[in-house]
Amino acid sequence: MTFSKYLLNDQDAITRIFEHIDNGSTDLGDEIWKEPVGNYYSLDRFNQEIDLLRNMPIPFCPSAAIAEPGSYLARKASGTPILAVRNEDGVVKAFINACKHRGMQVAEGMGCNKKAFVCPYHAWTYDLNGNLKRIPGQEGFPGIEIDETNLYEVDAAEKGGIVYIKQNGKIHKSELENALDFFTKDQELFDTGEVTDNTNWKLITETLLEGYHIRSLHKNTFYPYGLDNINLVESYGLNSRVIFPFKRIEKLRNIDPAKRNISGMVTKVYHLFPNVSVSVLSKHTSLTIIEPISPTRAKLISYLLINNQQGQKKITLEEAKKDAIFVNESGQEEDRAAAVAIQETVSTKANNHLTFGYFEKAIVNFHKNLSNMLKL
């Protein structure tokens, strides 16, 4: 994985973790942030956020999900039905998933070996570049120029094994300058998943970005393996990385720092602003898009890939699945439940705002950047 110049390398990260363990400390921010509770249920605020998402390049899926020509993936992104496909030349193209005849979605789910997309309503047929190739009974549509009725294309780009899609405008090189190389195109995708919760998307995002809650919320799941509020928190551009060490990192204590291997000793969570996370564990990595559905509903869409182990024994599918089960059972469901419970209180008179302190540096970075981007 290629790291930003703003992030610690693995050896320096391990050293800093040991310093925190020895000193009983953790990475701290320098700002208290008070987020108005209305921002978690206001329809006006929600619509502003959706507009922002549509005007940014947002990760849509790992490249491995549409690795071969003819492979495709269709789902909603920021409320818009989107179809991404790899064409015959190996280039990823993206379109609004709507037939130019009556607006029917021309594809669903994901698949491979596609030669064309045939609208299930009236069989208008499009090639992998979105060009309309056939209208059954074309004589019934006088004046229709077939080459002017293509699928509506939106801009797509690949970097670091992730497909980014921008619904409005073109993706500028500067917008992906902080994008890291997380995956390779041939990396094995072994599972996908979707789950919908009755909570604002930002509340779900917040659960991923601090370790202050681990001892209390995850006391019987993650905490027996992890440390109490000892984390590394780094920001790079709009994005952040939080490293959650396991207690077993102590096995590296007496090893030559240059020979230490951080794999299996920590969980690294990258927040890709604003609504995506990449979680790196020892055997697998997950790309999760937190899709806003409404001010009070969000869908988590996850893609799980087997890690590439350079110079080490290849990770098996069984090992990757076991790793993924650990994540789910070690607190993911508890995080989601907490976000749902908070959603039920934000519209009450209990609080005017939610407070984020020095331990919640990455969350402050998230809200501060979101506020700045929305020009609030």
Protein backbone atom coordinates (compact mmCIF):
# COMPACT_ATOMS: atom_id res chain seq x y z
CA MET A 1 0.00 0.00 0.00
CA THR A 2 1.33 3.43 -0.92
CA PHE A 3 1.13 5.88 1.98
CA SER A 4 0.64 9.60 1.99
CA LYS A 5 3.67 11.62 3.00
CA TYR A 6 1.55 12.85 5.90
CA LEU A 7 1.15 9.38 7.46
CA LEU A 8 3.56 7.46 9.66
CA ASN A 9 5.17 4.36 8.19
CA ASP A 10 4.53 1.08 10.01
CA GLN A 11 7.77 1.09 12.01
CA ASP A 12 7.27 4.65 13.26
CA ALA A 13 3.63 3.87 14.07
CA ILE A 14 4.67 0.90 16.21
CA THR A 15 7.20 3.04 18.07
CA ARG A 16 4.58 5.68 18.80
CA ILE A 17 2.11 3.06 20.00
CA PHE A 18 4.68 1.78 22.52
CA GLU A 19 5.29 5.35 23.69
CA HIS A 20 1.56 5.75 24.31
CA ILE A 21 1.36 2.41 26.13
CA ASP A 22 4.29 3.32 28.36
CA ASN A 23 2.99 6.82 29.08
CA GLY A 24 -0.71 5.96 29.35
CA SER A 25 -1.39 8.49 26.60
CA THR A 26 -3.02 8.70 23.18
CA ASP A 27 -3.05 11.01 20.17
CA LEU A 28 -5.01 14.15 21.01
CA GLY A 29 -6.64 16.92 19.09
CA ASP A 30 -6.57 20.55 20.13
CA GLU A 31 -10.15 21.59 19.52
CA ILE A 32 -13.60 20.98 21.01
CA TRP A 33 -16.33 20.70 18.39
CA LYS A 34 -20.04 21.18 19.08
CA GLU A 35 -22.22 19.79 16.30
CA PRO A 36 -25.83 21.08 16.33
CA VAL A 37 -28.26 18.20 16.74
CA GLY A 38 -30.43 19.57 13.94
CA ASN A 39 -27.73 18.54 11.48
CA TYR A 40 -28.67 14.91 12.16
CA TYR A 41 -32.33 15.23 11.14
CA SER A 42 -32.77 18.43 9.12
CA LEU A 43 -34.02 17.80 5.59
CA ASP A 44 -32.44 21.02 4.36
CA ARG A 45 -29.05 19.98 5.75
CA PHE A 46 -29.47 16.49 4.29
CA ASN A 47 -30.17 17.91 0.83
CA GLN A 48 -27.06 20.10 1.06
CA GLU A 49 -24.99 17.04 1.95
CA ILE A 50 -26.38 15.05 -0.97
CA ASP A 51 -25.53 17.92 -3.32
CA LEU A 52 -21.98 17.93 -1.94
CA LEU A 53 -21.61 14.17 -2.45
CA ARG A 54 -22.78 14.44 -6.04
CA ASN A 55 -20.17 17.12 -6.69
CA MET A 56 -17.22 15.13 -5.33
CA PRO A 57 -15.42 12.01 -6.59
CA ILE A 58 -16.71 9.35 -4.18
CA PRO A 59 -15.48 5.73 -4.01
CA PHE A 60 -18.09 3.55 -5.69
CA CYS A 61 -16.49 0.10 -5.41
CA PRO A 62 -13.09 -1.57 -5.46
CA SER A 63 -11.67 -2.13 -8.94
CA ALA A 64 -11.76 -5.86 -8.17
CA ALA A 65 -15.57 -5.75 -8.15
CA ILE A 66 -15.53 -5.02 -11.90
CA ALA A 67 -12.13 -6.44 -12.75
CA GLU A 68 -12.73 -7.90 -16.22
CA PRO A 69 -14.20 -6.42 -19.40
CA GLY A 70 -17.95 -6.96 -19.36
CA SER A 71 -18.20 -6.86 -15.56
CA TYR A 72 -20.57 -4.33 -14.02
CA LEU A 73 -22.09 -3.07 -10.78
CA ALA A 74 -25.36 -1.20 -10.39
CA ARG A 75 -26.52 0.47 -7.18
CA LYS A 76 -27.66 3.80 -5.79
CA ALA A 77 -25.04 6.38 -4.88
CA SER A 78 -26.14 9.56 -3.11
CA GLY A 79 -29.70 8.70 -4.10
CA THR A 80 -28.90 8.28 -7.81
CA PRO A 81 -29.06 4.90 -9.59
CA ILE A 82 -25.57 4.43 -11.04
CA LEU A 83 -24.21 1.76 -13.37
CA ALA A 84 -20.45 1.19 -13.54
CA VAL A 85 -19.02 -1.13 -16.17
CA ARG A 86 -15.61 -2.09 -17.50
CA ASN A 87 -15.73 -1.86 -21.30
CA GLU A 88 -13.98 -4.02 -23.89
CA ASP A 89 -10.84 -1.87 -23.62
CA GLY A 90 -10.65 -2.35 -19.86
CA VAL A 91 -11.74 1.21 -19.09
CA VAL A 92 -14.32 1.86 -16.38
CA LYS A 93 -17.35 3.83 -17.55
CA ALA A 94 -20.23 5.05 -15.38
CA PHE A 95 -23.77 6.11 -16.24
CA ILE A 96 -27.01 7.09 -14.63
CA ASN A 97 -28.84 3.78 -14.72
CA ALA A 98 -31.81 4.98 -16.75
CA CYS A 99 -32.97 3.99 -20.23
CA LYS A 100 -33.47 6.97 -22.53
CA HIS A 101 -36.90 5.64 -23.53
CA ARG A 102 -38.93 5.64 -20.30
CA GLY A 103 -36.27 5.85 -17.60
CA MET A 104 -36.24 2.17 -16.62
CA GLN A 105 -33.05 0.93 -14.96
CA VAL A 106 -31.17 -1.18 -17.49
CA ALA A 107 -29.14 -3.25 -14.98
CA GLU A 108 -29.29 -4.43 -11.39
CA GLY A 109 -26.83 -5.95 -8.95
CA MET A 110 -23.43 -7.02 -10.22
CA GLY A 111 -22.23 -9.48 -12.83
CA CYS A 112 -19.73 -10.28 -15.52
CA ASN A 113 -19.41 -11.27 -19.19
CA LYS A 114 -21.88 -8.64 -20.32
CA LYS A 115 -21.89 -7.76 -23.98
CA ALA A 116 -24.76 -5.29 -23.80
CA PHE A 117 -27.43 -3.95 -21.45
CA VAL A 118 -30.97 -4.67 -22.54
CA CYS A 119 -33.66 -2.61 -20.85
CA PRO A 120 -36.10 -5.06 -19.24
CA TYR A 121 -39.07 -2.82 -20.07
CA HIS A 122 -38.96 -2.48 -23.87
CA ALA A 123 -35.58 -4.03 -24.77
CA TRP A 124 -33.78 -0.91 -25.89
CA THR A 125 -30.16 -2.13 -26.04
CA TYR A 126 -26.94 -0.33 -25.04
CA ASP A 127 -23.31 -1.38 -25.46
CA LEU A 128 -20.66 -1.23 -22.72
CA ASN A 129 -19.89 2.38 -23.62
CA GLY A 130 -23.50 3.38 -23.04
CA ASN A 131 -24.29 3.77 -26.72
CA LEU A 132 -27.81 2.89 -27.83
CA LYS A 133 -27.54 0.13 -30.44
CA ARG A 134 -31.07 -1.13 -30.98
CA ILE A 135 -34.67 0.04 -30.66
CA PRO A 136 -37.16 -2.76 -31.24
CA GLY A 137 -39.78 -1.43 -33.67
CA GLN A 138 -37.71 1.65 -34.44
CA GLU A 139 -40.29 2.64 -37.05
CA GLY A 140 -42.54 3.59 -34.13
CA PHE A 141 -40.11 6.34 -33.12
CA PRO A 142 -39.77 8.59 -36.19
CA GLY A 143 -37.24 11.35 -35.75
CA ILE A 144 -35.27 9.53 -33.03
CA GLU A 145 -31.56 9.56 -33.82
CA ILE A 146 -30.24 6.35 -32.30
CA ASP A 147 -26.72 7.77 -31.77
CA GLU A 148 -28.11 10.71 -29.77
CA THR A 149 -29.96 8.55 -27.26
CA ASN A 150 -27.12 7.10 -25.24
CA LEU A 151 -27.04 6.51 -21.51
CA TYR A 152 -26.19 9.63 -19.52
CA GLU A 153 -22.50 9.33 -18.64
CA VAL A 154 -20.95 10.50 -15.37
CA ASP A 155 -17.23 10.77 -14.80
CA ALA A 156 -15.29 7.80 -13.40
CA ALA A 157 -11.64 7.31 -12.49
CA GLU A 158 -9.55 4.56 -10.91
CA LYS A 159 -6.78 5.09 -8.40
CA GLY A 160 -5.27 2.73 -5.86
CA GLY A 161 -7.67 -0.07 -6.75
CA ILE A 162 -10.80 2.01 -6.13
CA VAL A 163 -13.34 3.26 -8.67
CA TYR A 164 -14.32 6.87 -7.99
CA ILE A 165 -17.43 8.43 -9.49
CA LYS A 166 -18.37 12.09 -9.68
CA GLN A 167 -21.96 12.69 -10.68
CA ASN A 168 -21.64 16.39 -11.54
CA GLY A 169 -18.66 17.58 -13.56
CA LYS A 170 -15.28 16.06 -14.30
CA ILE A 171 -12.84 14.57 -11.81
CA HIS A 172 -9.81 16.81 -11.53
CA LYS A 173 -6.41 15.32 -10.79
CA SER A 174 -6.09 17.44 -7.65
CA GLU A 175 -9.22 15.86 -6.19
CA LEU A 176 -7.51 12.46 -5.95
CA GLU A 177 -4.01 13.62 -5.02
CA ASN A 178 -4.40 12.22 -1.47
CA ALA A 179 -5.93 8.93 -2.65
CA LEU A 180 -3.87 5.99 -1.38
CA ASP A 181 -3.09 2.74 -3.18
CA PHE A 182 -5.27 0.39 -1.15
CA PHE A 183 -5.94 -2.44 -3.59
CA THR A 184 -4.81 -4.10 -6.79
CA LYS A 185 -7.21 -4.94 -9.60
CA ASP A 186 -6.48 -8.66 -9.26
CA GLN A 187 -7.05 -8.70 -5.49
CA GLU A 188 -9.75 -11.22 -4.64
CA LEU A 189 -13.15 -9.86 -3.65
CA PHE A 190 -14.68 -12.54 -1.44
CA ASP A 191 -17.85 -10.98 -0.08
CA THR A 192 -20.21 -8.02 -0.32
CA GLY A 193 -22.89 -6.89 2.06
CA GLU A 194 -25.57 -4.30 2.65
CA VAL A 195 -27.35 -3.28 5.84
CA THR A 196 -29.72 -0.37 6.47
CA ASP A 197 -30.09 1.39 9.82
CA ASN A 198 -32.48 4.02 11.13
CA THR A 199 -29.81 6.61 11.74
CA ASN A 200 -28.14 9.57 10.09
CA TRP A 201 -25.10 8.65 8.02
CA LYS A 202 -22.85 10.94 10.07
CA LEU A 203 -23.62 9.09 13.30
CA ILE A 204 -22.46 5.84 11.71
CA THR A 205 -19.32 7.55 10.44
CA GLU A 206 -18.50 8.89 13.91
CA THR A 207 -18.46 5.39 15.43
CA LEU A 208 -15.49 4.47 13.23
CA LEU A 209 -13.24 7.37 14.16
CA GLU A 210 -12.34 7.11 17.85
CA GLY A 211 -11.23 4.56 20.42
CA TYR A 212 -12.54 6.45 23.45
CA HIS A 213 -15.63 4.21 23.49
CA ILE A 214 -13.94 0.81 23.17
CA ARG A 215 -13.70 -0.10 26.86
CA SER A 216 -17.32 0.79 27.61
CA LEU A 217 -19.27 -0.07 24.44
CA HIS A 218 -17.18 -3.09 23.42
CA LYS A 219 -16.25 -4.41 26.87
CA ASN A 220 -17.08 -8.04 25.98
CA THR A 221 -16.22 -7.99 22.30
CA PHE A 222 -13.33 -5.88 21.05
CA TYR A 223 -11.89 -4.62 24.34
CA PRO A 224 -10.60 -8.02 25.54
CA TYR A 225 -8.25 -7.91 22.52
CA GLY A 226 -7.70 -4.14 22.29
CA LEU A 227 -6.37 -1.28 24.38
CA ASP A 228 -8.22 1.36 26.32
CA ASN A 229 -8.24 4.65 24.41
CA ILE A 230 -4.75 4.24 22.94
CA ASN A 231 -4.83 5.24 19.28
CA LEU A 232 -2.89 6.96 16.57
CA VAL A 233 -4.92 9.63 14.78
CA GLU A 234 -3.59 11.31 11.65
CA SER A 235 -5.22 13.63 9.14
CA TYR A 236 -4.19 14.07 5.52
CA GLY A 237 -6.17 16.60 3.54
CA LEU A 238 -9.86 16.02 4.15
CA ASN A 239 -9.17 12.44 5.23
CA SER A 240 -8.05 10.74 8.44
CA ARG A 241 -6.48 7.51 9.61
CA VAL A 242 -7.07 5.96 13.02
CA ILE A 243 -4.93 3.03 14.16
CA PHE A 244 -6.41 0.75 16.83
CA PRO A 245 -3.70 -1.46 18.41
CA PHE A 246 -4.32 -4.95 19.74
CA LYS A 247 -2.82 -6.03 23.05
CA ARG A 248 -0.73 -8.58 21.16
CA ILE A 249 1.41 -5.78 19.74
CA GLU A 250 3.54 -6.38 22.83
CA LYS A 251 4.99 -9.36 20.95
CA LEU A 252 6.97 -6.82 18.92
CA ARG A 253 8.43 -5.04 21.93
CA ASN A 254 11.86 -6.72 21.86
CA ILE A 255 12.17 -7.13 18.10
CA ASP A 256 14.53 -4.94 16.12
CA PRO A 257 12.35 -1.96 15.07
CA ALA A 258 13.43 -2.37 11.44
CA LYS A 259 12.15 -5.96 11.43
CA ARG A 260 8.79 -5.36 13.10
CA ASN A 261 5.69 -6.30 11.08
CA ILE A 262 2.53 -4.46 12.04
CA SER A 263 0.23 -6.89 10.21
CA GLY A 264 -2.16 -8.54 12.65
CA MET A 265 -1.18 -6.18 15.46
CA VAL A 266 -3.54 -3.30 14.69
CA THR A 267 -6.66 -2.32 12.80
CA LYS A 268 -6.18 0.66 10.51
CA VAL A 269 -9.29 2.65 9.67
CA TYR A 270 -9.03 5.23 6.90
CA HIS A 271 -11.80 7.79 6.62
CA LEU A 272 -12.14 8.85 2.99
CA PHE A 273 -14.06 12.09 3.29
CA PRO A 274 -16.93 12.31 3.53
CA ASN A 275 -18.76 8.96 3.62
CA VAL A 276 -16.34 6.08 3.00
CA SER A 277 -14.06 4.01 5.20
CA VAL A 278 -11.34 1.47 4.47
CA SER A 279 -10.59 -0.89 7.35
CA VAL A 280 -7.37 -2.89 7.12
CA LEU A 281 -7.01 -6.00 9.29
CA SER A 282 -4.47 -8.79 9.14
CA LYS A 283 -6.24 -11.04 6.62
CA HIS A 284 -8.72 -8.82 4.83
CA THR A 285 -9.58 -5.24 4.02
CA SER A 286 -13.09 -3.80 3.74
CA LEU A 287 -14.26 -0.82 1.70
CA THR A 288 -17.49 0.52 3.20
CA ILE A 289 -19.64 3.25 1.68
CA ILE A 290 -22.09 4.85 4.11
CA GLU A 291 -24.89 5.88 1.78
CA PRO A 292 -27.33 8.54 3.07
CA ILE A 293 -30.91 7.50 2.33
CA SER A 294 -32.76 10.15 4.29
CA PRO A 295 -31.94 12.39 7.26
CA THR A 296 -32.67 9.44 9.54
CA ARG A 297 -31.70 6.39 7.44
CA ALA A 298 -28.39 5.16 6.06
CA LYS A 299 -27.19 2.09 4.18
CA LEU A 300 -23.77 0.52 4.69
CA ILE A 301 -22.45 -1.14 1.54
CA SER A 302 -19.31 -3.21 2.12
CA TYR A 303 -16.83 -4.91 -0.18
CA LEU A 304 -14.41 -7.39 1.43
CA LEU A 305 -11.09 -8.32 -0.17
CA ILE A 306 -8.36 -10.78 0.78
CA ASN A 307 -5.14 -8.99 1.67
CA ASN A 308 -2.10 -9.42 -0.53
CA GLN A 309 0.81 -10.66 1.58
CA GLN A 310 4.13 -9.74 0.00
CA GLY A 311 6.86 -12.24 0.76
CA GLN A 312 4.58 -14.25 3.04
CA LYS A 313 2.31 -17.23 2.78
CA LYS A 314 -0.80 -16.52 0.74
CA ILE A 315 -3.90 -15.83 2.82
CA THR A 316 -6.66 -18.36 2.28
CA LEU A 317 -10.33 -17.61 1.76
CA GLU A 318 -11.13 -19.34 5.06
CA GLU A 319 -8.66 -17.11 6.92
CA ALA A 320 -10.12 -13.97 5.37
CA LYS A 321 -13.67 -15.00 6.24
CA LYS A 322 -12.65 -15.73 9.84
CA ASP A 323 -11.05 -12.28 10.03
CA ALA A 324 -14.25 -10.67 8.75
CA ILE A 325 -16.41 -12.54 11.27
CA PHE A 326 -14.17 -11.24 14.06
CA VAL A 327 -14.81 -7.65 12.95
CA ASN A 328 -18.57 -8.16 12.95
CA GLU A 329 -18.60 -9.94 16.28
CA SER A 330 -16.06 -7.62 17.91
CA GLY A 331 -18.20 -4.55 17.87
CA GLN A 332 -19.54 -3.56 14.45
CA GLU A 333 -23.11 -4.40 15.43
CA GLU A 334 -22.64 -2.55 18.72
CA ASP A 335 -21.46 0.55 16.85
CA ARG A 336 -24.50 0.47 14.61
CA ALA A 337 -26.86 0.00 17.54
CA ALA A 338 -25.30 2.99 19.30
CA ALA A 339 -25.83 5.18 16.23
CA VAL A 340 -29.48 4.13 16.05
CA ALA A 341 -29.98 4.87 19.75
CA ILE A 342 -28.42 8.32 19.39
CA GLN A 343 -30.68 9.09 16.42
CA GLU A 344 -33.68 8.61 18.69
CA THR A 345 -32.46 11.36 21.05
CA VAL A 346 -31.11 14.06 18.74
CA SER A 347 -34.57 15.36 17.90
CA THR A 348 -35.56 15.61 21.56
CA LYS A 349 -34.91 18.51 23.93
CA ALA A 350 -32.06 16.66 25.65
CA ASN A 351 -29.20 18.37 23.80
CA ASN A 352 -28.65 21.37 21.58
CA HIS A 353 -25.47 19.84 20.22
CA LEU A 354 -23.23 16.78 20.40
CA THR A 355 -19.78 17.43 21.87
CA PHE A 356 -16.51 16.03 20.47
CA GLY A 357 -13.35 16.45 22.51
CA TYR A 358 -9.61 15.96 22.22
CA PHE A 359 -9.95 12.15 22.10
CA GLU A 360 -12.19 12.53 19.02
CA LYS A 361 -9.75 14.36 16.78
CA ALA A 362 -10.74 12.54 13.58
CA ILE A 363 -14.43 13.30 14.13
CA VAL A 364 -13.63 16.98 14.64
CA ASN A 365 -11.67 16.87 11.37
CA PHE A 366 -14.69 15.30 9.65
CA HIS A 367 -17.25 17.83 10.89
CA LYS A 368 -14.97 20.82 10.44
CA ASN A 369 -14.27 19.90 6.82
CA LEU A 370 -17.91 19.08 6.13
CA SER A 371 -18.97 22.45 7.52
CA ASN A 372 -16.31 24.22 5.44
CA MET A 373 -17.29 22.36 2.28
CA LEU A 374 -20.93 23.29 2.81
CA LYS A 375 -19.81 26.89 3.53
CA LEU A 376 -21.76 27.01 6.78
